[in-house]
Amino acid sequence: MASVEITWLGRSCFQLKGKEAIVLTDPFEGLREGSLEADIVTLSHEHPGHSCVGAVRGEPKLLRGPGEYEVKGVFIYGLQTFHDGVRGRARGKNTVFLIELDGIKVCHLGDLGHVLSAEQVGEISDTDVLLVPVGGGTTIGAAEAAELVNLIDPKLVIPMHFHPEEEKSNLSLKAFLQEMGLKTLTPVPKLAITKTSLPTETQVILLKSGQ
């Protein structure tokens, strides 16, 4: 059985590598021009920290906004949400993407700024891997992130949108881990998963940042 390999490049940018396709989420300003490979690029919103498509070589399929998509056997569902807690009046809209790659459903919350409604949770409730922002400020923080984990009930949780080298961001990560009943986690370079290797109960995985 083919595995899906998940690598965190920093911020909200992940590379999801399957058997037939590579998906890249939210490439950010500062990544080297043409340095990344992807067949599909999802953009949660149009901000330089999340939409630097020049970092990807070739002509990948760019997905912006809500809808249902199928590219190279990858099924993707875009759910419209907001970048703030006031229905977009402060920071605009945000798209949550549910990506089904080789039988694994990965949900990327982007720069989500609020707890999802029961209806929205229902649309992504079969998530296997949840990529959740924990940094606070322009996104949800530790408590809201933990609440969403409990609502969505994924098998694996990978925190994102924090900067490991910054004290404030490290405090945000520590607060999230505490909310999840954890003290510390040792980061791993990447994660390879199959449907059969998923845990039966929710588990938090910390990835190392960087290409």
C-alpha atoms as a PDB file:
ATOM      1  CA  MET A   1       0.000   0.000   0.000  1.00  0.00           C
ATOM      2  CA  ALA A   2       1.378   3.403  -1.042  1.00  0.00           C
ATOM      3  CA  SER A   3       2.025   5.895   1.715  1.00  0.00           C
ATOM      4  CA  VAL A   4       1.425   9.629   1.802  1.00  0.00           C
ATOM      5  CA  GLU A   5       4.511  11.603   2.851  1.00  0.00           C
ATOM      6  CA  ILE A   6       3.921  14.875   4.699  1.00  0.00           C
ATOM      7  CA  THR A   7       6.676  17.478   5.002  1.00  0.00           C
ATOM      8  CA  TRP A   8       6.322  20.858   6.719  1.00  0.00           C
ATOM      9  CA  LEU A   9       8.197  23.685   5.005  1.00  0.00           C
ATOM     10  CA  GLY A  10       7.232  26.277   7.611  1.00  0.00           C
ATOM     11  CA  ARG A  11       4.281  28.558   8.390  1.00  0.00           C
ATOM     12  CA  SER A  12       1.229  26.940   6.723  1.00  0.00           C
ATOM     13  CA  CYS A  13       3.154  25.302   3.886  1.00  0.00           C
ATOM     14  CA  PHE A  14       3.131  21.520   3.588  1.00  0.00           C
ATOM     15  CA  GLN A  15       4.109  19.176   0.795  1.00  0.00           C
ATOM     16  CA  LEU A  16       1.866  16.111   0.551  1.00  0.00           C
ATOM     17  CA  LYS A  17       3.479  13.510  -1.659  1.00  0.00           C
ATOM     18  CA  GLY A  18       1.359  10.601  -2.904  1.00  0.00           C
ATOM     19  CA  LYS A  19       1.866   7.827  -5.412  1.00  0.00           C
ATOM     20  CA  GLU A  20       0.714   9.816  -8.458  1.00  0.00           C
ATOM     21  CA  ALA A  21       0.566  13.448  -7.330  1.00  0.00           C
ATOM     22  CA  ILE A  22       2.142  16.082  -5.081  1.00  0.00           C
ATOM     23  CA  VAL A  23       0.028  18.709  -3.319  1.00  0.00           C
ATOM     24  CA  LEU A  24       1.528  21.891  -1.868  1.00  0.00           C
ATOM     25  CA  THR A  25      -0.367  24.115   0.564  1.00  0.00           C
ATOM     26  CA  ASP A  26       0.110  27.872   1.102  1.00  0.00           C
ATOM     27  CA  PRO A  27       3.645  28.493  -0.274  1.00  0.00           C
ATOM     28  CA  PHE A  28       5.091  31.563   1.436  1.00  0.00           C
ATOM     29  CA  GLU A  29       7.215  34.535   0.465  1.00  0.00           C
ATOM     30  CA  GLY A  30      10.873  33.720   1.063  1.00  0.00           C
ATOM     31  CA  LEU A  31      10.858  30.264  -0.507  1.00  0.00           C
ATOM     32  CA  ARG A  32      13.349  30.112  -3.357  1.00  0.00           C
ATOM     33  CA  GLU A  33      11.887  30.737  -6.829  1.00  0.00           C
ATOM     34  CA  GLY A  34      11.076  27.452  -8.568  1.00  0.00           C
ATOM     35  CA  SER A  35      12.483  25.389  -5.715  1.00  0.00           C
ATOM     36  CA  LEU A  36       9.413  23.229  -5.077  1.00  0.00           C
ATOM     37  CA  GLU A  37       7.652  20.519  -7.033  1.00  0.00           C
ATOM     38  CA  ALA A  38       3.865  20.146  -7.031  1.00  0.00           C
ATOM     39  CA  ASP A  39       1.014  19.106  -9.297  1.00  0.00           C
ATOM     40  CA  ILE A  40      -1.582  20.967  -7.202  1.00  0.00           C
ATOM     41  CA  VAL A  41      -1.197  24.094  -5.067  1.00  0.00           C
ATOM     42  CA  THR A  42      -3.904  25.152  -2.604  1.00  0.00           C
ATOM     43  CA  LEU A  43      -4.061  28.786  -1.491  1.00  0.00           C
ATOM     44  CA  SER A  44      -6.109  29.529   1.625  1.00  0.00           C
ATOM     45  CA  HIS A  45      -6.083  33.272   0.908  1.00  0.00           C
ATOM     46  CA  GLU A  46      -4.249  35.877  -1.143  1.00  0.00           C
ATOM     47  CA  HIS A  47      -1.491  36.971   1.219  1.00  0.00           C
ATOM     48  CA  PRO A  48       2.245  36.779   0.378  1.00  0.00           C
ATOM     49  CA  GLY A  49       2.725  34.442   3.335  1.00  0.00           C
ATOM     50  CA  HIS A  50       0.275  31.970   1.788  1.00  0.00           C
ATOM     51  CA  SER A  51       0.218  32.465  -1.983  1.00  0.00           C
ATOM     52  CA  CYS A  52       3.789  32.641  -3.302  1.00  0.00           C
ATOM     53  CA  VAL A  53       3.186  30.437  -6.334  1.00  0.00           C
ATOM     54  CA  GLY A  54       6.501  31.474  -7.904  1.00  0.00           C
ATOM     55  CA  ALA A  55       8.224  29.053  -5.532  1.00  0.00           C
ATOM     56  CA  VAL A  56       6.702  26.161  -7.500  1.00  0.00           C
ATOM     57  CA  ARG A  57       8.265  25.151 -10.809  1.00  0.00           C
ATOM     58  CA  GLY A  58       6.243  24.093 -13.822  1.00  0.00           C
ATOM     59  CA  GLU A  59       2.532  24.733 -14.219  1.00  0.00           C
ATOM     60  CA  PRO A  60       0.706  23.251 -11.220  1.00  0.00           C
ATOM     61  CA  LYS A  61      -3.057  23.456 -10.870  1.00  0.00           C
ATOM     62  CA  LEU A  62      -3.809  26.392  -8.561  1.00  0.00           C
ATOM     63  CA  LEU A  63      -6.862  26.077  -6.308  1.00  0.00           C
ATOM     64  CA  ARG A  64      -8.263  29.265  -4.815  1.00  0.00           C
ATOM     65  CA  GLY A  65     -11.537  29.407  -2.947  1.00  0.00           C
ATOM     66  CA  PRO A  66     -14.371  27.002  -2.206  1.00  0.00           C
ATOM     67  CA  GLY A  67     -15.548  24.234  -4.524  1.00  0.00           C
ATOM     68  CA  GLU A  68     -15.041  20.586  -5.441  1.00  0.00           C
ATOM     69  CA  TYR A  69     -11.995  19.642  -7.471  1.00  0.00           C
ATOM     70  CA  GLU A  70     -10.396  16.509  -8.925  1.00  0.00           C
ATOM     71  CA  VAL A  71      -6.841  16.693 -10.245  1.00  0.00           C
ATOM     72  CA  LYS A  72      -4.676  13.651 -11.075  1.00  0.00           C
ATOM     73  CA  GLY A  73      -6.847  11.394  -8.924  1.00  0.00           C
ATOM     74  CA  VAL A  74      -6.728  13.746  -5.937  1.00  0.00           C
ATOM     75  CA  PHE A  75     -10.123  14.882  -4.630  1.00  0.00           C
ATOM     76  CA  ILE A  76     -10.182  18.290  -2.957  1.00  0.00           C
ATOM     77  CA  TYR A  77     -13.033  20.108  -1.255  1.00  0.00           C
ATOM     78  CA  GLY A  78     -12.708  23.820  -0.499  1.00  0.00           C
ATOM     79  CA  LEU A  79     -14.840  25.174   2.349  1.00  0.00           C
ATOM     80  CA  GLN A  80     -15.277  28.932   2.735  1.00  0.00           C
ATOM     81  CA  THR A  81     -14.485  30.260   6.204  1.00  0.00           C
ATOM     82  CA  PHE A  82     -13.103  33.529   7.576  1.00  0.00           C
ATOM     83  CA  HIS A  83      -9.691  34.877   8.555  1.00  0.00           C
ATOM     84  CA  ASP A  84     -11.160  36.459  11.696  1.00  0.00           C
ATOM     85  CA  GLY A  85     -13.959  36.054  14.215  1.00  0.00           C
ATOM     86  CA  VAL A  86     -16.188  38.742  12.683  1.00  0.00           C
ATOM     87  CA  ARG A  87     -17.203  37.033   9.421  1.00  0.00           C
ATOM     88  CA  GLY A  88     -14.327  38.480   7.425  1.00  0.00           C
ATOM     89  CA  ARG A  89     -14.884  42.138   8.244  1.00  0.00           C
ATOM     90  CA  ALA A  90     -11.361  42.469   9.703  1.00  0.00           C
ATOM     91  CA  ARG A  91      -9.191  40.180   7.535  1.00  0.00           C
ATOM     92  CA  GLY A  92     -11.401  38.731   4.826  1.00  0.00           C
ATOM     93  CA  LYS A  93     -12.110  35.162   3.807  1.00  0.00           C
ATOM     94  CA  ASN A  94     -10.159  31.941   4.284  1.00  0.00           C
ATOM     95  CA  THR A  95     -10.545  28.599   2.518  1.00  0.00           C
ATOM     96  CA  VAL A  96     -10.245  25.314   4.382  1.00  0.00           C
ATOM     97  CA  PHE A  97      -9.173  22.487   2.057  1.00  0.00           C
ATOM     98  CA  LEU A  98      -9.973  18.800   2.577  1.00  0.00           C
ATOM     99  CA  ILE A  99      -7.530  16.853   0.410  1.00  0.00           C
ATOM    100  CA  GLU A 100      -8.009  13.139  -0.295  1.00  0.00           C
ATOM    101  CA  LEU A 101      -4.760  11.637  -1.513  1.00  0.00           C
ATOM    102  CA  ASP A 102      -4.236   7.864  -1.832  1.00  0.00           C
ATOM    103  CA  GLY A 103      -7.077   7.156   0.587  1.00  0.00           C
ATOM    104  CA  ILE A 104      -5.821   9.615   3.242  1.00  0.00           C
ATOM    105  CA  LYS A 105      -7.930  12.709   3.982  1.00  0.00           C
ATOM    106  CA  VAL A 106      -5.829  15.692   5.034  1.00  0.00           C
ATOM    107  CA  CYS A 107      -7.581  18.864   6.191  1.00  0.00           C
ATOM    108  CA  HIS A 108      -5.616  22.118   5.941  1.00  0.00           C
ATOM    109  CA  LEU A 109      -7.309  24.883   7.948  1.00  0.00           C
ATOM    110  CA  GLY A 110      -5.294  27.726   6.413  1.00  0.00           C
ATOM    111  CA  ASP A 111      -5.440  30.984   8.372  1.00  0.00           C
ATOM    112  CA  LEU A 112      -8.697  30.128  10.089  1.00  0.00           C
ATOM    113  CA  GLY A 113      -9.751  32.861  12.517  1.00  0.00           C
ATOM    114  CA  HIS A 114     -12.733  31.266  14.267  1.00  0.00           C
ATOM    115  CA  VAL A 115     -14.144  27.990  15.590  1.00  0.00           C
ATOM    116  CA  LEU A 116     -16.128  26.213  12.882  1.00  0.00           C
ATOM    117  CA  SER A 117     -19.885  25.834  13.097  1.00  0.00           C
ATOM    118  CA  ALA A 118     -21.463  22.411  13.575  1.00  0.00           C
ATOM    119  CA  GLU A 119     -22.450  22.410   9.895  1.00  0.00           C
ATOM    120  CA  GLN A 120     -18.896  23.220   8.782  1.00  0.00           C
ATOM    121  CA  VAL A 121     -17.451  20.548  11.072  1.00  0.00           C
ATOM    122  CA  GLY A 122     -19.858  18.067   9.507  1.00  0.00           C
ATOM    123  CA  GLU A 123     -18.405  18.775   6.071  1.00  0.00           C
ATOM    124  CA  ILE A 124     -14.879  17.774   7.175  1.00  0.00           C
ATOM    125  CA  SER A 125     -15.716  15.311   9.966  1.00  0.00           C
ATOM    126  CA  ASP A 126     -14.036  12.355   8.211  1.00  0.00           C
ATOM    127  CA  THR A 127     -10.596  14.017   8.381  1.00  0.00           C
ATOM    128  CA  ASP A 128      -7.666  11.654   9.002  1.00  0.00           C
ATOM    129  CA  VAL A 129      -4.929  14.300   9.387  1.00  0.00           C
ATOM    130  CA  LEU A 130      -5.662  17.818  10.634  1.00  0.00           C
ATOM    131  CA  LEU A 131      -3.199  20.632   9.900  1.00  0.00           C
ATOM    132  CA  VAL A 132      -4.168  23.254  12.480  1.00  0.00           C
ATOM    133  CA  PRO A 133      -2.850  26.791  13.132  1.00  0.00           C
ATOM    134  CA  VAL A 134      -1.913  27.364  16.782  1.00  0.00           C
ATOM    135  CA  GLY A 135      -0.036  30.686  16.716  1.00  0.00           C
ATOM    136  CA  GLY A 136      -2.868  33.072  17.571  1.00  0.00           C
ATOM    137  CA  GLY A 137      -2.818  36.701  16.456  1.00  0.00           C
ATOM    138  CA  THR A 138      -3.970  36.440  12.840  1.00  0.00           C
ATOM    139  CA  THR A 139      -5.343  32.909  13.379  1.00  0.00           C
ATOM    140  CA  ILE A 140      -6.978  30.883  16.103  1.00  0.00           C
ATOM    141  CA  GLY A 141      -4.838  30.252  19.178  1.00  0.00           C
ATOM    142  CA  ALA A 142      -4.160  27.275  21.419  1.00  0.00           C
ATOM    143  CA  ALA A 143      -7.568  26.951  23.098  1.00  0.00           C
ATOM    144  CA  GLU A 144      -9.570  27.312  19.878  1.00  0.00           C
ATOM    145  CA  ALA A 145      -7.237  24.909  18.064  1.00  0.00           C
ATOM    146  CA  ALA A 146      -7.726  22.291  20.774  1.00  0.00           C
ATOM    147  CA  GLU A 147     -11.494  22.838  20.639  1.00  0.00           C
ATOM    148  CA  LEU A 148     -11.470  22.225  16.896  1.00  0.00           C
ATOM    149  CA  VAL A 149      -9.435  19.041  17.340  1.00  0.00           C
ATOM    150  CA  ASN A 150     -12.087  17.767  19.730  1.00  0.00           C
ATOM    151  CA  LEU A 151     -14.895  18.728  17.345  1.00  0.00           C
ATOM    152  CA  ILE A 152     -13.330  17.260  14.191  1.00  0.00           C
ATOM    153  CA  ASP A 153     -11.813  14.212  15.943  1.00  0.00           C
ATOM    154  CA  PRO A 154      -9.025  13.430  13.439  1.00  0.00           C
ATOM    155  CA  LYS A 155      -6.589  10.535  13.793  1.00  0.00           C
ATOM    156  CA  LEU A 156      -3.492  12.738  13.548  1.00  0.00           C
ATOM    157  CA  VAL A 157      -2.974  16.422  14.365  1.00  0.00           C
ATOM    158  CA  ILE A 158      -0.052  18.492  13.079  1.00  0.00           C
ATOM    159  CA  PRO A 159       0.271  22.052  14.458  1.00  0.00           C
ATOM    160  CA  MET A 160       1.302  24.812  12.056  1.00  0.00           C
ATOM    161  CA  HIS A 161       1.485  28.599  11.697  1.00  0.00           C
ATOM    162  CA  PHE A 162       4.004  29.111  14.465  1.00  0.00           C
ATOM    163  CA  HIS A 163       7.698  29.949  14.221  1.00  0.00           C
ATOM    164  CA  PRO A 164       9.890  27.513  16.192  1.00  0.00           C
ATOM    165  CA  GLU A 165      12.656  30.102  16.558  1.00  0.00           C
ATOM    166  CA  GLU A 166      10.393  32.774  18.065  1.00  0.00           C
ATOM    167  CA  GLU A 167       9.687  32.813  21.804  1.00  0.00           C
ATOM    168  CA  LYS A 168       6.085  33.999  21.421  1.00  0.00           C
ATOM    169  CA  SER A 169       5.310  31.280  18.883  1.00  0.00           C
ATOM    170  CA  ASN A 170       6.965  28.647  21.048  1.00  0.00           C
ATOM    171  CA  LEU A 171       4.723  29.726  23.912  1.00  0.00           C
ATOM    172  CA  SER A 172       1.708  29.327  21.610  1.00  0.00           C
ATOM    173  CA  LEU A 173       2.815  25.815  20.687  1.00  0.00           C
ATOM    174  CA  LYS A 174       3.411  24.905  24.338  1.00  0.00           C
ATOM    175  CA  ALA A 175      -0.034  26.231  25.234  1.00  0.00           C
ATOM    176  CA  PHE A 176      -1.607  24.065  22.509  1.00  0.00           C
ATOM    177  CA  LEU A 177       0.248  20.978  23.688  1.00  0.00           C
ATOM    178  CA  GLN A 178      -0.946  21.660  27.230  1.00  0.00           C
ATOM    179  CA  GLU A 179      -4.513  22.000  25.966  1.00  0.00           C
ATOM    180  CA  MET A 180      -4.042  18.562  24.384  1.00  0.00           C
ATOM    181  CA  GLY A 181      -2.720  17.098  27.635  1.00  0.00           C
ATOM    182  CA  LEU A 182       0.896  16.941  26.453  1.00  0.00           C
ATOM    183  CA  LYS A 183       4.081  18.440  27.912  1.00  0.00           C
ATOM    184  CA  THR A 184       6.597  18.282  25.071  1.00  0.00           C
ATOM    185  CA  LEU A 185       7.017  16.546  21.729  1.00  0.00           C
ATOM    186  CA  THR A 186      10.168  15.735  19.774  1.00  0.00           C
ATOM    187  CA  PRO A 187       9.863  17.044  16.187  1.00  0.00           C
ATOM    188  CA  VAL A 188      10.305  14.539  13.347  1.00  0.00           C
ATOM    189  CA  PRO A 189      11.598  15.477   9.855  1.00  0.00           C
ATOM    190  CA  LYS A 190       8.591  14.099   7.952  1.00  0.00           C
ATOM    191  CA  LEU A 191       5.671  11.734   8.289  1.00  0.00           C
ATOM    192  CA  ALA A 192       4.758   8.778   6.057  1.00  0.00           C
ATOM    193  CA  ILE A 193       1.297   7.327   6.625  1.00  0.00           C
ATOM    194  CA  THR A 194      -1.108   4.798   5.145  1.00  0.00           C
ATOM    195  CA  LYS A 195      -4.758   4.197   5.992  1.00  0.00           C
ATOM    196  CA  THR A 196      -3.803   1.124   8.028  1.00  0.00           C
ATOM    197  CA  SER A 197      -1.068   2.927   9.973  1.00  0.00           C
ATOM    198  CA  LEU A 198      -3.386   5.602  11.363  1.00  0.00           C
ATOM    199  CA  PRO A 199      -3.827   5.458  15.155  1.00  0.00           C
ATOM    200  CA  THR A 200      -7.199   4.585  16.677  1.00  0.00           C
ATOM    201  CA  GLU A 201      -7.152   7.621  18.973  1.00  0.00           C
ATOM    202  CA  THR A 202      -6.141  11.199  18.187  1.00  0.00           C
ATOM    203  CA  GLN A 203      -2.371  11.700  18.239  1.00  0.00           C
ATOM    204  CA  VAL A 204      -0.385  14.948  17.923  1.00  0.00           C
ATOM    205  CA  ILE A 205       2.720  14.921  15.707  1.00  0.00           C
ATOM    206  CA  LEU A 206       5.249  17.766  15.643  1.00  0.00           C
ATOM    207  CA  LEU A 207       7.170  18.189  12.385  1.00  0.00           C
ATOM    208  CA  LYS A 208      10.493  19.944  11.903  1.00  0.00           C
ATOM    209  CA  SER A 209      10.276  23.083   9.824  1.00  0.00           C
ATOM    210  CA  GLY A 210      12.341  23.576   6.691  1.00  0.00           C
ATOM    211  CA  GLN A 211      12.982  22.228   3.203  1.00  0.00           C
END
